[in-house]
Protein backbone atom coordinates (compact mmCIF):
# COMPACT_ATOMS: atom_id res chain seq x y z
CA MET A 1 -29.96 -19.87 -8.06
CA ALA A 2 -29.73 -17.40 -10.67
CA HIS A 3 -32.47 -19.15 -12.83
CA ILE A 4 -34.69 -19.00 -9.86
CA ALA A 5 -34.30 -15.11 -9.47
CA ALA A 6 -34.83 -14.58 -13.20
CA LEU A 7 -37.86 -16.69 -13.31
CA THR A 8 -39.29 -14.91 -10.24
CA ALA A 9 -38.74 -11.69 -11.65
CA GLU A 10 -40.21 -12.82 -15.15
CA PHE A 11 -43.33 -14.12 -13.17
CA ASP A 12 -43.58 -10.94 -11.10
CA ASP A 13 -43.51 -8.84 -14.51
CA ILE A 14 -46.21 -11.00 -15.98
CA VAL A 15 -48.50 -10.53 -12.99
CA ALA A 16 -47.87 -6.96 -12.84
CA ALA A 17 -48.88 -6.76 -16.54
CA THR A 18 -52.11 -8.53 -15.81
CA THR A 19 -53.11 -6.52 -12.76
CA ASP A 20 -52.41 -3.17 -14.75
CA GLY A 21 -54.63 -3.98 -17.66
CA ASN A 22 -57.96 -5.88 -18.36
CA SER A 23 -58.48 -9.00 -16.02
CA ASP A 24 -60.80 -10.48 -18.37
CA ASP A 25 -58.63 -13.09 -20.33
CA GLU A 26 -61.54 -14.24 -22.41
CA HIS A 27 -62.31 -10.90 -24.04
CA ASP A 28 -58.81 -9.30 -23.77
CA PRO A 29 -56.84 -10.09 -27.06
CA GLU A 30 -53.54 -10.15 -24.81
CA GLY A 31 -55.31 -11.95 -22.05
CA SER A 32 -54.78 -15.58 -23.18
CA THR A 33 -51.08 -14.94 -23.98
CA LEU A 34 -50.48 -13.55 -20.63
CA ALA A 35 -52.31 -16.32 -18.90
CA PHE A 36 -50.20 -18.84 -20.87
CA GLU A 37 -46.87 -17.08 -20.17
CA ARG A 38 -47.75 -16.83 -16.37
CA ALA A 39 -48.63 -20.73 -16.39
CA ARG A 40 -45.38 -21.29 -18.24
CA VAL A 41 -43.16 -19.24 -16.03
CA SER A 42 -44.96 -20.83 -13.07
CA ALA A 43 -44.18 -24.25 -14.24
CA LEU A 44 -40.58 -23.52 -14.90
CA LEU A 45 -40.16 -21.79 -11.53
CA SER A 46 -41.59 -24.82 -9.81
CA GLN A 47 -39.21 -27.20 -11.71
CA GLU A 48 -36.22 -25.19 -10.95
CA ARG A 49 -37.05 -25.21 -7.10
CA ALA A 50 -37.77 -28.99 -7.11
CA TYR A 51 -34.38 -29.39 -8.86
CA LEU A 52 -32.70 -27.19 -6.26
CA GLU A 53 -34.20 -29.10 -3.51
CA GLU A 54 -33.01 -32.40 -4.96
CA VAL A 55 -29.44 -31.07 -5.18
CA GLU A 56 -29.70 -29.80 -1.57
CA ARG A 57 -30.85 -33.30 -0.53
CA ALA A 58 -27.84 -34.89 -2.43
CA GLU A 59 -25.34 -32.47 -0.69
CA ASP A 60 -26.83 -33.71 2.64
CA ARG A 61 -26.38 -37.40 1.57
CA VAL A 62 -22.73 -36.41 0.77
CA ALA A 63 -22.31 -34.95 4.15
CA ASP A 64 -23.82 -37.92 6.01
CA GLY A 65 -22.03 -40.73 3.91
CA THR A 66 -25.10 -42.05 2.00
CA TYR A 67 -24.59 -40.32 -1.28
CA GLY A 68 -24.46 -43.06 -4.22
CA LEU A 69 -26.32 -45.45 -2.14
CA CYS A 70 -29.85 -46.46 -3.10
CA ALA A 71 -32.25 -44.96 -0.57
CA ALA A 72 -34.57 -48.03 -0.95
CA CYS A 73 -32.28 -51.04 -0.89
CA GLY A 74 -28.87 -49.65 0.23
CA THR A 75 -26.80 -50.83 -2.79
CA ALA A 76 -24.32 -48.61 -4.49
CA LEU A 77 -25.60 -46.66 -7.44
CA PRO A 78 -23.84 -47.28 -10.68
CA PRO A 79 -21.54 -44.58 -11.86
CA GLU A 80 -23.51 -44.17 -15.07
CA ARG A 81 -26.72 -43.62 -13.21
CA LEU A 82 -25.00 -40.78 -10.94
CA ALA A 83 -23.40 -39.36 -14.18
CA ALA A 84 -27.03 -39.09 -15.76
CA ARG A 85 -28.72 -37.96 -12.58
CA PRO A 86 -26.27 -36.86 -9.93
CA ALA A 87 -29.08 -36.29 -7.44
CA ALA A 88 -30.38 -39.80 -7.98
CA ARG A 89 -31.75 -41.47 -4.81
CA THR A 90 -32.51 -44.89 -5.92
CA CYS A 91 -31.14 -47.64 -8.29
CA VAL A 92 -32.96 -48.35 -11.43
CA GLN A 93 -34.59 -51.59 -9.87
CA CYS A 94 -36.21 -49.50 -7.06
CA PRO A 95 -37.71 -46.53 -8.54
CA THR A 96 -39.75 -44.39 -6.19
CA PRO A 97 -42.57 -42.13 -6.70
CA GLN A 98 -41.64 -38.39 -7.39
CA GLY A 99 -41.54 -36.47 -4.14
CA SER A 100 -41.45 -39.53 -1.83
CA ASP A 101 -39.37 -39.31 1.22
CA VAL A 102 -37.56 -42.43 1.27
CA LYS A 103 -35.16 -43.06 4.09
CA PRO A 104 -31.64 -44.40 3.49
CA ALA A 105 -31.31 -48.11 3.82
CA ILE A 106 -28.69 -49.05 6.39
CA ARG A 107 -28.45 -52.66 5.38
CA PRO A 108 -27.02 -53.84 1.91
CA ARG A 109 -29.46 -55.75 -0.50
CA ARG A 110 -29.71 -59.45 0.08
CA PRO A 111 -28.37 -61.88 -2.82
């Protein structure tokens, strides 16, 4: 959460710097630098928010007893997968597109 606050403050500072000065990035020697920094911080902020959402969803799965189960097939996720990606929702055999809203499977995978 502290990262999000720091990135938001940095983004706000960059936006304030661009509104106080020349808004013509093409002819302003600082314009391209400010535009780049604004895009960089915006991307980092977006990534932090997405990660925080993943963690919150993982907490929800802990609460409802589905943490550690593949959301697509219902099998238990290997401890190594959870160690590498604690917020993982699927096993390696069942990758899902980023941002998909997969509902947890109730039944285990058939042999």
